[in-house]
C-alpha atoms as a PDB file:
ATOM      1  CA  UNK A   1       2.073 -32.182  40.350  1.00  0.00           C
ATOM      2  CA  UNK A   2      -1.616 -31.819  41.156  1.00  0.00           C
ATOM      3  CA  UNK A   3      -3.847 -34.854  40.830  1.00  0.00           C
ATOM      4  CA  UNK A   4      -6.702 -34.925  38.265  1.00  0.00           C
ATOM      5  CA  UNK A   5      -9.233 -34.626  41.107  1.00  0.00           C
ATOM      6  CA  UNK A   6      -7.519 -31.488  42.412  1.00  0.00           C
ATOM      7  CA  UNK A   7      -7.408 -29.958  38.927  1.00  0.00           C
ATOM      8  CA  UNK A   8     -11.091 -30.750  38.359  1.00  0.00           C
ATOM      9  CA  UNK A   9     -12.024 -29.202  41.696  1.00  0.00           C
ATOM     10  CA  UNK A  10     -10.021 -26.066  40.884  1.00  0.00           C
ATOM     11  CA  UNK A  11     -11.753 -25.800  37.501  1.00  0.00           C
ATOM     12  CA  UNK A  12     -15.173 -26.151  39.158  1.00  0.00           C
ATOM     13  CA  UNK A  13     -14.354 -23.340  41.594  1.00  0.00           C
ATOM     14  CA  UNK A  14     -13.161 -21.144  38.727  1.00  0.00           C
ATOM     15  CA  UNK A  15     -16.386 -21.754  36.786  1.00  0.00           C
ATOM     16  CA  UNK A  16     -18.506 -20.985  39.870  1.00  0.00           C
ATOM     17  CA  UNK A  17     -16.634 -17.711  40.395  1.00  0.00           C
ATOM     18  CA  UNK A  18     -17.200 -16.698  36.769  1.00  0.00           C
ATOM     19  CA  UNK A  19     -20.898 -17.571  36.916  1.00  0.00           C
ATOM     20  CA  UNK A  20     -21.272 -15.646  40.184  1.00  0.00           C
ATOM     21  CA  UNK A  21     -19.505 -12.630  38.686  1.00  0.00           C
ATOM     22  CA  UNK A  22     -21.734 -12.671  35.600  1.00  0.00           C
ATOM     23  CA  UNK A  23     -24.895 -12.982  37.715  1.00  0.00           C
ATOM     24  CA  UNK A  24     -23.867 -10.101  39.988  1.00  0.00           C
ATOM     25  CA  UNK A  25     -23.087  -7.914  36.996  1.00  0.00           C
ATOM     26  CA  UNK A  26     -26.454  -8.809  35.432  1.00  0.00           C
ATOM     27  CA  UNK A  27     -28.320  -7.922  38.647  1.00  0.00           C
ATOM     28  CA  UNK A  28     -26.525  -4.575  38.980  1.00  0.00           C
ATOM     29  CA  UNK A  29     -27.051  -3.719  35.306  1.00  0.00           C
ATOM     30  CA  UNK A  30     -30.735  -4.644  35.462  1.00  0.00           C
ATOM     31  CA  UNK A  31     -31.157  -2.511  38.599  1.00  0.00           C
ATOM     32  CA  UNK A  32     -29.785   0.571  36.815  1.00  0.00           C
ATOM     33  CA  UNK A  33     -31.916  -0.098  33.735  1.00  0.00           C
ATOM     34  CA  UNK A  34     -35.110  -0.741  35.700  1.00  0.00           C
ATOM     35  CA  UNK A  35     -34.645   2.385  37.837  1.00  0.00           C
ATOM     36  CA  UNK A  36     -33.635   4.409  34.755  1.00  0.00           C
ATOM     37  CA  UNK A  37     -30.526   5.622  36.534  1.00  0.00           C
ATOM     38  CA  UNK A  38     -27.411   6.699  34.702  1.00  0.00           C
ATOM     39  CA  UNK A  39     -24.437   5.223  36.621  1.00  0.00           C
ATOM     40  CA  UNK A  40     -22.454   8.404  35.912  1.00  0.00           C
ATOM     41  CA  UNK A  41     -25.110  10.732  37.373  1.00  0.00           C
ATOM     42  CA  UNK A  42     -23.989  10.421  41.034  1.00  0.00           C
ATOM     43  CA  UNK A  43     -20.428  11.335  40.068  1.00  0.00           C
ATOM     44  CA  UNK A  44     -21.545  14.227  37.868  1.00  0.00           C
ATOM     45  CA  UNK A  45     -23.786  15.681  40.599  1.00  0.00           C
ATOM     46  CA  UNK A  46     -21.205  15.394  43.396  1.00  0.00           C
ATOM     47  CA  UNK A  47     -19.743  18.883  42.804  1.00  0.00           C
ATOM     48  CA  UNK A  48     -23.245  20.385  43.049  1.00  0.00           C
ATOM     49  CA  UNK A  49     -23.907  18.487  46.272  1.00  0.00           C
ATOM     50  CA  UNK A  50     -20.673  19.677  47.879  1.00  0.00           C
ATOM     51  CA  UNK A  51     -21.340  23.216  46.625  1.00  0.00           C
ATOM     52  CA  UNK A  52     -24.848  23.208  48.131  1.00  0.00           C
ATOM     53  CA  UNK A  53     -23.579  21.975  51.495  1.00  0.00           C
ATOM     54  CA  UNK A  54     -20.687  24.429  51.505  1.00  0.00           C
ATOM     55  CA  UNK A  55     -22.906  27.408  50.733  1.00  0.00           C
ATOM     56  CA  UNK A  56     -25.865  26.550  52.978  1.00  0.00           C
ATOM     57  CA  UNK A  57     -24.625  24.393  55.866  1.00  0.00           C
ATOM     58  CA  UNK A  58     -21.294  26.063  56.660  1.00  0.00           C
ATOM     59  CA  UNK A  59     -20.266  27.623  58.914  1.00  0.00           C
ATOM     60  CA  UNK A  60     -22.524  25.924  61.478  1.00  0.00           C
ATOM     61  CA  UNK A  61     -24.456  28.251  63.759  1.00  0.00           C
ATOM     62  CA  UNK A  62     -24.018  27.361  67.446  1.00  0.00           C
ATOM     63  CA  UNK A  63     -25.705  30.481  68.833  1.00  0.00           C
ATOM     64  CA  UNK A  64     -28.678  28.452  70.051  1.00  0.00           C
ATOM     65  CA  UNK A  65     -26.576  25.833  71.806  1.00  0.00           C
ATOM     66  CA  UNK A  66     -28.127  26.527  75.219  1.00  0.00           C
ATOM     67  CA  UNK A  67     -31.540  25.545  73.864  1.00  0.00           C
ATOM     68  CA  UNK A  68     -30.105  22.290  72.481  1.00  0.00           C
ATOM     69  CA  UNK A  69     -28.837  20.991  75.834  1.00  0.00           C
ATOM     70  CA  UNK A  70     -32.206  19.582  76.900  1.00  0.00           C
ATOM     71  CA  UNK A  71     -32.558  17.819  73.521  1.00  0.00           C
ATOM     72  CA  UNK A  72     -29.083  16.293  73.844  1.00  0.00           C
ATOM     73  CA  UNK A  73     -29.968  15.014  77.322  1.00  0.00           C
ATOM     74  CA  UNK A  74     -33.258  13.617  75.973  1.00  0.00           C
ATOM     75  CA  UNK A  75     -31.451  11.768  73.191  1.00  0.00           C
ATOM     76  CA  UNK A  76     -28.934  10.294  75.635  1.00  0.00           C
ATOM     77  CA  UNK A  77     -31.579   9.266  78.173  1.00  0.00           C
ATOM     78  CA  UNK A  78     -33.734   7.701  75.463  1.00  0.00           C
ATOM     79  CA  UNK A  79     -30.816   5.385  74.703  1.00  0.00           C
ATOM     80  CA  UNK A  80     -30.137   4.669  78.393  1.00  0.00           C
ATOM     81  CA  UNK A  81     -33.738   3.822  79.335  1.00  0.00           C
ATOM     82  CA  UNK A  82     -34.469   2.020  76.067  1.00  0.00           C
ATOM     83  CA  UNK A  83     -31.375  -0.160  76.356  1.00  0.00           C
ATOM     84  CA  UNK A  84     -31.973  -0.870  80.067  1.00  0.00           C
ATOM     85  CA  UNK A  85     -35.560  -2.046  79.619  1.00  0.00           C
ATOM     86  CA  UNK A  86     -34.737  -3.985  76.443  1.00  0.00           C
ATOM     87  CA  UNK A  87     -31.796  -5.754  78.107  1.00  0.00           C
ATOM     88  CA  UNK A  88     -34.013  -7.031  80.936  1.00  0.00           C
ATOM     89  CA  UNK A  89     -36.824  -8.181  78.638  1.00  0.00           C
ATOM     90  CA  UNK A  90     -34.381  -9.708  76.164  1.00  0.00           C
ATOM     91  CA  UNK A  91     -32.631 -11.726  78.875  1.00  0.00           C
ATOM     92  CA  UNK A  92     -35.939 -13.337  79.927  1.00  0.00           C
ATOM     93  CA  UNK A  93     -37.058 -14.022  76.363  1.00  0.00           C
ATOM     94  CA  UNK A  94     -33.560 -15.147  75.394  1.00  0.00           C
ATOM     95  CA  UNK A  95     -33.802 -17.872  78.041  1.00  0.00           C
ATOM     96  CA  UNK A  96     -37.150 -18.928  76.630  1.00  0.00           C
ATOM     97  CA  UNK A  97     -35.821 -18.966  73.067  1.00  0.00           C
ATOM     98  CA  UNK A  98     -32.535 -20.795  73.714  1.00  0.00           C
ATOM     99  CA  UNK A  99     -32.856 -24.396  72.538  1.00  0.00           C
ATOM    100  CA  UNK A 100     -30.359 -25.793  75.021  1.00  0.00           C
ATOM    101  CA  UNK A 101     -32.062 -24.129  77.997  1.00  0.00           C
ATOM    102  CA  UNK A 102     -35.800 -24.265  77.267  1.00  0.00           C
ATOM    103  CA  UNK A 103     -36.866 -27.863  76.512  1.00  0.00           C
ATOM    104  CA  UNK A 104     -40.415 -26.882  75.442  1.00  0.00           C
ATOM    105  CA  UNK A 105     -40.317 -26.619  71.652  1.00  0.00           C
ATOM    106  CA  UNK A 106     -43.769 -24.966  71.214  1.00  0.00           C
ATOM    107  CA  UNK A 107     -42.772 -22.131  73.559  1.00  0.00           C
ATOM    108  CA  UNK A 108     -39.469 -21.645  71.716  1.00  0.00           C
ATOM    109  CA  UNK A 109     -41.218 -21.559  68.338  1.00  0.00           C
ATOM    110  CA  UNK A 110     -43.769 -18.975  69.489  1.00  0.00           C
ATOM    111  CA  UNK A 111     -41.085 -16.775  71.063  1.00  0.00           C
ATOM    112  CA  UNK A 112     -38.865 -17.072  67.987  1.00  0.00           C
ATOM    113  CA  UNK A 113     -41.759 -16.077  65.717  1.00  0.00           C
ATOM    114  CA  UNK A 114     -42.574 -13.028  67.857  1.00  0.00           C
ATOM    115  CA  UNK A 115     -38.927 -11.938  68.054  1.00  0.00           C
ATOM    116  CA  UNK A 116     -38.361 -12.447  64.307  1.00  0.00           C
ATOM    117  CA  UNK A 117     -41.475 -10.434  63.503  1.00  0.00           C
ATOM    118  CA  UNK A 118     -40.391  -7.561  65.738  1.00  0.00           C
ATOM    119  CA  UNK A 119     -36.762  -7.667  64.617  1.00  0.00           C
ATOM    120  CA  UNK A 120     -37.550  -7.493  60.904  1.00  0.00           C
ATOM    121  CA  UNK A 121     -39.543  -4.269  61.174  1.00  0.00           C
ATOM    122  CA  UNK A 122     -37.204  -1.224  61.068  1.00  0.00           C
ATOM    123  CA  UNK A 123     -37.214   1.149  64.011  1.00  0.00           C
ATOM    124  CA  UNK A 124     -38.473   4.019  61.831  1.00  0.00           C
ATOM    125  CA  UNK A 125     -41.513   1.960  60.844  1.00  0.00           C
ATOM    126  CA  UNK A 126     -42.267   1.269  64.508  1.00  0.00           C
ATOM    127  CA  UNK A 127     -41.885   4.962  65.301  1.00  0.00           C
ATOM    128  CA  UNK A 128     -44.168   5.990  62.434  1.00  0.00           C
ATOM    129  CA  UNK A 129     -46.844   3.506  63.514  1.00  0.00           C
ATOM    130  CA  UNK A 130     -46.657   4.597  67.145  1.00  0.00           C
ATOM    131  CA  UNK A 131     -46.786   8.283  66.237  1.00  0.00           C
ATOM    132  CA  UNK A 132     -49.892   7.578  64.156  1.00  0.00           C
ATOM    133  CA  UNK A 133     -51.481   5.681  67.063  1.00  0.00           C
ATOM    134  CA  UNK A 134     -50.412   7.777  70.069  1.00  0.00           C
ATOM    135  CA  UNK A 135     -49.396  11.094  68.538  1.00  0.00           C
ATOM    136  CA  UNK A 136     -46.106  12.974  68.760  1.00  0.00           C
ATOM    137  CA  UNK A 137     -44.241  12.625  72.059  1.00  0.00           C
ATOM    138  CA  UNK A 138     -41.216  11.296  73.895  1.00  0.00           C
ATOM    139  CA  UNK A 139     -42.961   8.106  74.962  1.00  0.00           C
ATOM    140  CA  UNK A 140     -43.455   7.124  71.325  1.00  0.00           C
ATOM    141  CA  UNK A 141     -39.720   7.354  70.647  1.00  0.00           C
ATOM    142  CA  UNK A 142     -38.915   5.374  73.764  1.00  0.00           C
ATOM    143  CA  UNK A 143     -41.394   2.608  72.902  1.00  0.00           C
ATOM    144  CA  UNK A 144     -40.078   2.352  69.350  1.00  0.00           C
ATOM    145  CA  UNK A 145     -36.518   2.106  70.654  1.00  0.00           C
ATOM    146  CA  UNK A 146     -37.435  -0.579  73.196  1.00  0.00           C
ATOM    147  CA  UNK A 147     -39.314  -2.677  70.635  1.00  0.00           C
ATOM    148  CA  UNK A 148     -36.546  -2.522  68.022  1.00  0.00           C
ATOM    149  CA  UNK A 149     -33.754  -3.185  70.531  1.00  0.00           C
ATOM    150  CA  UNK A 150     -35.709  -6.034  72.111  1.00  0.00           C
ATOM    151  CA  UNK A 151     -35.817  -7.943  68.821  1.00  0.00           C
ATOM    152  CA  UNK A 152     -32.101  -7.520  68.201  1.00  0.00           C
ATOM    153  CA  UNK A 153     -30.916  -8.309  71.727  1.00  0.00           C
ATOM    154  CA  UNK A 154     -33.193 -11.303  72.294  1.00  0.00           C
ATOM    155  CA  UNK A 155     -31.792 -13.162  69.317  1.00  0.00           C
ATOM    156  CA  UNK A 156     -28.202 -12.220  70.224  1.00  0.00           C
ATOM    157  CA  UNK A 157     -28.678 -13.296  73.844  1.00  0.00           C
ATOM    158  CA  UNK A 158     -30.325 -16.589  72.846  1.00  0.00           C
ATOM    159  CA  UNK A 159     -27.448 -17.527  70.533  1.00  0.00           C
ATOM    160  CA  UNK A 160     -24.868 -16.760  73.210  1.00  0.00           C
ATOM    161  CA  UNK A 161     -26.852 -18.767  75.777  1.00  0.00           C
ATOM    162  CA  UNK A 162     -26.969 -21.728  73.410  1.00  0.00           C
ATOM    163  CA  UNK A 163     -23.187 -21.671  73.120  1.00  0.00           C
ATOM    164  CA  UNK A 164     -22.838 -21.536  76.906  1.00  0.00           C
ATOM    165  CA  UNK A 165     -25.330 -24.333  77.458  1.00  0.00           C
ATOM    166  CA  UNK A 166     -23.590 -26.546  74.935  1.00  0.00           C
ATOM    167  CA  UNK A 167     -20.065 -26.141  76.269  1.00  0.00           C
ATOM    168  CA  UNK A 168     -20.036 -25.153  79.949  1.00  0.00           C
ATOM    169  CA  UNK A 169     -23.059 -26.603  81.727  1.00  0.00           C
ATOM    170  CA  UNK A 170     -22.467 -30.340  81.335  1.00  0.00           C
ATOM    171  CA  UNK A 171     -20.639 -30.597  84.667  1.00  0.00           C
ATOM    172  CA  UNK A 172     -23.477 -28.881  86.539  1.00  0.00           C
ATOM    173  CA  UNK A 173     -26.074 -31.065  84.853  1.00  0.00           C
ATOM    174  CA  UNK A 174     -24.074 -34.174  85.770  1.00  0.00           C
ATOM    175  CA  UNK A 175     -24.259 -33.228  89.465  1.00  0.00           C
ATOM    176  CA  UNK A 176     -28.046 -33.005  89.282  1.00  0.00           C
ATOM    177  CA  UNK A 177     -28.292 -29.214  89.508  1.00  0.00           C
ATOM    178  CA  UNK A 178     -31.801 -27.779  89.299  1.00  0.00           C
ATOM    179  CA  UNK A 179     -32.778 -25.342  86.523  1.00  0.00           C
ATOM    180  CA  UNK A 180     -32.504 -22.453  89.017  1.00  0.00           C
ATOM    181  CA  UNK A 181     -29.003 -23.566  90.026  1.00  0.00           C
ATOM    182  CA  UNK A 182     -27.992 -23.894  86.368  1.00  0.00           C
ATOM    183  CA  UNK A 183     -29.205 -20.340  85.803  1.00  0.00           C
ATOM    184  CA  UNK A 184     -27.531 -18.760  88.849  1.00  0.00           C
ATOM    185  CA  UNK A 185     -24.265 -20.719  88.931  1.00  0.00           C
ATOM    186  CA  UNK A 186     -23.826 -21.595  85.267  1.00  0.00           C
ATOM    187  CA  UNK A 187     -25.604 -19.457  82.714  1.00  0.00           C
ATOM    188  CA  UNK A 188     -25.461 -15.993  84.301  1.00  0.00           C
ATOM    189  CA  UNK A 189     -21.707 -16.004  85.213  1.00  0.00           C
ATOM    190  CA  UNK A 190     -20.726 -17.415  81.809  1.00  0.00           C
ATOM    191  CA  UNK A 191     -23.127 -15.143  79.943  1.00  0.00           C
ATOM    192  CA  UNK A 192     -22.118 -11.933  81.757  1.00  0.00           C
ATOM    193  CA  UNK A 193     -19.253 -10.886  79.387  1.00  0.00           C
ATOM    194  CA  UNK A 194     -21.463 -11.423  76.328  1.00  0.00           C
ATOM    195  CA  UNK A 195     -24.308  -9.592  78.038  1.00  0.00           C
ATOM    196  CA  UNK A 196     -22.042  -6.582  78.650  1.00  0.00           C
ATOM    197  CA  UNK A 197     -20.712  -6.560  75.079  1.00  0.00           C
ATOM    198  CA  UNK A 198     -24.095  -6.899  73.344  1.00  0.00           C
ATOM    199  CA  UNK A 199     -25.823  -4.430  75.679  1.00  0.00           C
ATOM    200  CA  UNK A 200     -23.140  -1.761  75.276  1.00  0.00           C
ATOM    201  CA  UNK A 201     -23.167  -2.319  71.525  1.00  0.00           C
ATOM    202  CA  UNK A 202     -26.942  -1.784  71.489  1.00  0.00           C
ATOM    203  CA  UNK A 203     -26.530   1.357  73.558  1.00  0.00           C
ATOM    204  CA  UNK A 204     -24.184   2.808  70.940  1.00  0.00           C
ATOM    205  CA  UNK A 205     -26.696   1.984  68.205  1.00  0.00           C
ATOM    206  CA  UNK A 206     -29.531   3.487  70.230  1.00  0.00           C
ATOM    207  CA  UNK A 207     -27.765   6.841  70.503  1.00  0.00           C
ATOM    208  CA  UNK A 208     -27.941   7.123  66.709  1.00  0.00           C
ATOM    209  CA  UNK A 209     -31.427   5.643  66.565  1.00  0.00           C
ATOM    210  CA  UNK A 210     -32.693   8.149  69.150  1.00  0.00           C
ATOM    211  CA  UNK A 211     -31.708  11.001  66.870  1.00  0.00           C
ATOM    212  CA  UNK A 212     -33.299   9.353  63.834  1.00  0.00           C
ATOM    213  CA  UNK A 213     -36.531   8.734  65.731  1.00  0.00           C
ATOM    214  CA  UNK A 214     -36.801  12.439  66.437  1.00  0.00           C
ATOM    215  CA  UNK A 215     -37.110  13.072  62.710  1.00  0.00           C
ATOM    216  CA  UNK A 216     -40.502  11.364  62.687  1.00  0.00           C
ATOM    217  CA  UNK A 217     -41.729  13.355  65.671  1.00  0.00           C
ATOM    218  CA  UNK A 218     -40.596  11.061  68.457  1.00  0.00           C
ATOM    219  CA  UNK A 219     -38.603  13.617  70.445  1.00  0.00           C
ATOM    220  CA  UNK A 220     -34.897  14.180  71.043  1.00  0.00           C
ATOM    221  CA  UNK A 221     -32.345  16.072  68.992  1.00  0.00           C
ATOM    222  CA  UNK A 222     -33.585  14.642  65.709  1.00  0.00           C
ATOM    223  CA  UNK A 223     -36.843  16.577  65.786  1.00  0.00           C
ATOM    224  CA  UNK A 224     -34.926  19.869  65.975  1.00  0.00           C
ATOM    225  CA  UNK A 225     -32.650  18.833  63.071  1.00  0.00           C
ATOM    226  CA  UNK A 226     -35.742  18.067  60.988  1.00  0.00           C
ATOM    227  CA  UNK A 227     -37.450  21.323  62.031  1.00  0.00           C
ATOM    228  CA  UNK A 228     -34.434  23.457  61.120  1.00  0.00           C
ATOM    229  CA  UNK A 229     -34.075  21.777  57.717  1.00  0.00           C
ATOM    230  CA  UNK A 230     -37.759  22.327  56.953  1.00  0.00           C
ATOM    231  CA  UNK A 231     -37.398  25.996  57.921  1.00  0.00           C
ATOM    232  CA  UNK A 232     -34.269  26.267  55.715  1.00  0.00           C
ATOM    233  CA  UNK A 233     -32.123  26.979  58.780  1.00  0.00           C
ATOM    234  CA  UNK A 234     -29.338  24.831  57.426  1.00  0.00           C
ATOM    235  CA  UNK A 235     -26.525  26.302  59.527  1.00  0.00           C
ATOM    236  CA  UNK A 236     -28.461  25.583  62.740  1.00  0.00           C
ATOM    237  CA  UNK A 237     -29.177  22.065  61.481  1.00  0.00           C
ATOM    238  CA  UNK A 238     -25.470  21.549  60.744  1.00  0.00           C
ATOM    239  CA  UNK A 239     -24.595  22.607  64.282  1.00  0.00           C
ATOM    240  CA  UNK A 240     -26.978  19.973  65.636  1.00  0.00           C
ATOM    241  CA  UNK A 241     -25.577  17.330  63.290  1.00  0.00           C
ATOM    242  CA  UNK A 242     -22.033  18.061  64.499  1.00  0.00           C
ATOM    243  CA  UNK A 243     -23.220  17.931  68.114  1.00  0.00           C
ATOM    244  CA  UNK A 244     -24.778  14.531  67.380  1.00  0.00           C
ATOM    245  CA  UNK A 245     -21.541  13.248  65.805  1.00  0.00           C
ATOM    246  CA  UNK A 246     -19.553  14.387  68.849  1.00  0.00           C
ATOM    247  CA  UNK A 247     -22.113  12.769  71.152  1.00  0.00           C
ATOM    248  CA  UNK A 248     -21.815   9.455  69.289  1.00  0.00           C
ATOM    249  CA  UNK A 249     -18.008   9.537  69.342  1.00  0.00           C
ATOM    250  CA  UNK A 250     -17.919  10.369  73.058  1.00  0.00           C
ATOM    251  CA  UNK A 251     -20.400   7.560  73.733  1.00  0.00           C
ATOM    252  CA  UNK A 252     -18.236   5.047  71.877  1.00  0.00           C
ATOM    253  CA  UNK A 253     -15.159   6.213  73.801  1.00  0.00           C
ATOM    254  CA  UNK A 254     -16.877   5.990  77.197  1.00  0.00           C
ATOM    255  CA  UNK A 255     -18.481   2.628  76.383  1.00  0.00           C
ATOM    256  CA  UNK A 256     -15.141   1.132  75.334  1.00  0.00           C
ATOM    257  CA  UNK A 257     -13.542   2.346  78.565  1.00  0.00           C
ATOM    258  CA  UNK A 258     -16.413   0.918  80.636  1.00  0.00           C
ATOM    259  CA  UNK A 259     -16.238  -2.388  78.798  1.00  0.00           C
ATOM    260  CA  UNK A 260     -12.514  -2.742  79.520  1.00  0.00           C
ATOM    261  CA  UNK A 261     -12.993  -1.699  83.147  1.00  0.00           C
ATOM    262  CA  UNK A 262     -15.841  -4.160  83.783  1.00  0.00           C
ATOM    263  CA  UNK A 263     -14.422  -7.108  81.851  1.00  0.00           C
END
């Protein structure tokens, strides 16, 4: 038989769950009311959406595939270069941001503020700002990708480095190893698997992001998808969308194979 304390605790949990459920329902209901959205509208309009796509986007038109090859290569290389540069910058700034590695609190706070600021601005916002400043071009897409990936990777690297520093560097510190020796013989070897995983994961994300960036004029396959949609060439746009999906799936397959081979 449960003790009174156990019963009271169970009752408290039950009350908290009910309150949470009521609050969530209230938030959702208020959102629909404030936006003046009928919750049944999406379900009612689904047949029209599928009908529109079926009539206008299918069958996809691949007749211009030869002209898409350069755009596919651009999209892929955007992700490669953007991830490569971001991984290098993020490793350096991750060291500076890791609490267990960098003992200078003011430096860590400044770096953390910069990284948080960059990370919380979506990649499309960065691309739009850079297009406005520098004009349409491939370099704008690459810069936007580097900036967005830098914010994500730096935080991920710093957290992994903190875990390493806390658990695996005590022996080296006890022998009087210098900071350079800790880095070369302790941090880098232990951090390498995490570095591979996070970097490959970012590369997969950047393939998709490269295509999205093109829709705001930053180059790659996305700009052609946007152009075809604006010109009502839906079948050509669908062909590009399918090519992008295949590219993403192939990238994930290759990345998983590389990850297993390296690690």
